[in-house]
Amino acid sequence: MNTVLLRGGQLIGLLGILLMLVSVYARFAGKFTFGGYQTGTLLLAGMGAVVVGCFFLLWVIADRDRG
């Protein structure tokens, strides 16, 4: 279970960072939308993904301390 949470947290966090980079790049390029979504929405989704990834990683760390 810890391995799934660890790898899932890393993958979700990486995808969130990539989504944030895409949204920031699109906004600096002068586009307000990217792929039918507003760049602010993509940035918020990326931030949410990073938070979920951090939560999963924290869950792994907390479970290791108990065991």
Protein backbone atom coordinates (compact mmCIF):
# COMPACT_ATOMS: atom_id res chain seq x y z
CA MET A 1 0.00 0.00 0.00
CA ASN A 2 2.81 2.39 0.85
CA THR A 3 4.46 1.78 -2.50
CA VAL A 4 1.24 2.63 -4.34
CA LEU A 5 0.77 5.82 -2.33
CA LEU A 6 4.43 6.79 -2.76
CA ARG A 7 4.49 6.29 -6.53
CA GLY A 8 1.00 7.76 -6.91
CA GLY A 9 1.97 10.86 -4.94
CA GLN A 10 5.10 11.32 -7.00
CA LEU A 11 3.24 10.87 -10.29
CA ILE A 12 0.35 13.16 -9.36
CA GLY A 13 2.76 15.83 -8.11
CA LEU A 14 4.81 15.64 -11.29
CA LEU A 15 1.70 15.91 -13.46
CA GLY A 16 0.57 18.89 -11.40
CA ILE A 17 3.90 20.65 -11.89
CA LEU A 18 3.76 19.98 -15.63
CA LEU A 19 0.21 21.32 -15.80
CA MET A 20 1.26 24.47 -13.97
CA LEU A 21 4.22 24.96 -16.31
CA VAL A 22 1.98 24.59 -19.37
CA SER A 23 -0.52 27.09 -18.00
CA VAL A 24 2.17 29.64 -17.09
CA TYR A 25 3.82 29.25 -20.50
CA ALA A 26 0.48 29.70 -22.28
CA ARG A 27 -0.28 32.80 -20.24
CA PHE A 28 3.14 34.34 -20.91
CA ALA A 29 2.58 33.63 -24.60
CA GLY A 30 -0.48 35.87 -24.43
CA LYS A 31 -3.16 33.20 -24.52
CA PHE A 32 -6.04 33.34 -22.07
CA THR A 33 -7.22 29.82 -22.94
CA PHE A 34 -5.41 26.59 -23.66
CA GLY A 35 -7.20 23.51 -24.87
CA GLY A 36 -10.59 25.06 -24.19
CA TYR A 37 -9.77 25.89 -20.55
CA GLN A 38 -8.76 29.21 -19.07
CA THR A 39 -5.14 29.36 -18.00
CA GLY A 40 -6.15 30.26 -14.44
CA THR A 41 -8.23 27.11 -14.24
CA LEU A 42 -5.31 25.00 -15.46
CA LEU A 43 -3.03 26.64 -12.90
CA LEU A 44 -5.52 25.92 -10.13
CA ALA A 45 -5.88 22.29 -11.25
CA GLY A 46 -2.09 21.92 -11.24
CA MET A 47 -1.86 23.37 -7.74
CA GLY A 48 -4.57 20.99 -6.58
CA ALA A 49 -2.72 18.02 -8.05
CA VAL A 50 0.47 19.05 -6.24
CA VAL A 51 -1.46 19.30 -2.96
CA VAL A 52 -2.94 15.82 -3.45
CA GLY A 53 0.52 14.44 -4.26
CA CYS A 54 1.94 16.04 -1.11
CA PHE A 55 -0.91 14.55 0.93
CA PHE A 56 -0.14 11.05 -0.39
CA LEU A 57 3.56 11.46 0.39
CA LEU A 58 2.75 12.72 3.88
CA TRP A 59 0.49 9.71 4.38
CA VAL A 60 3.41 7.39 3.54
CA ILE A 61 5.71 9.19 5.97
CA ALA A 62 3.11 9.06 8.77
CA ASP A 63 2.48 5.36 8.17
CA ARG A 64 6.20 4.58 8.33
CA ASP A 65 6.45 6.21 11.76
CA ARG A 66 3.65 4.03 13.15
CA GLY A 67 5.10 0.79 11.82
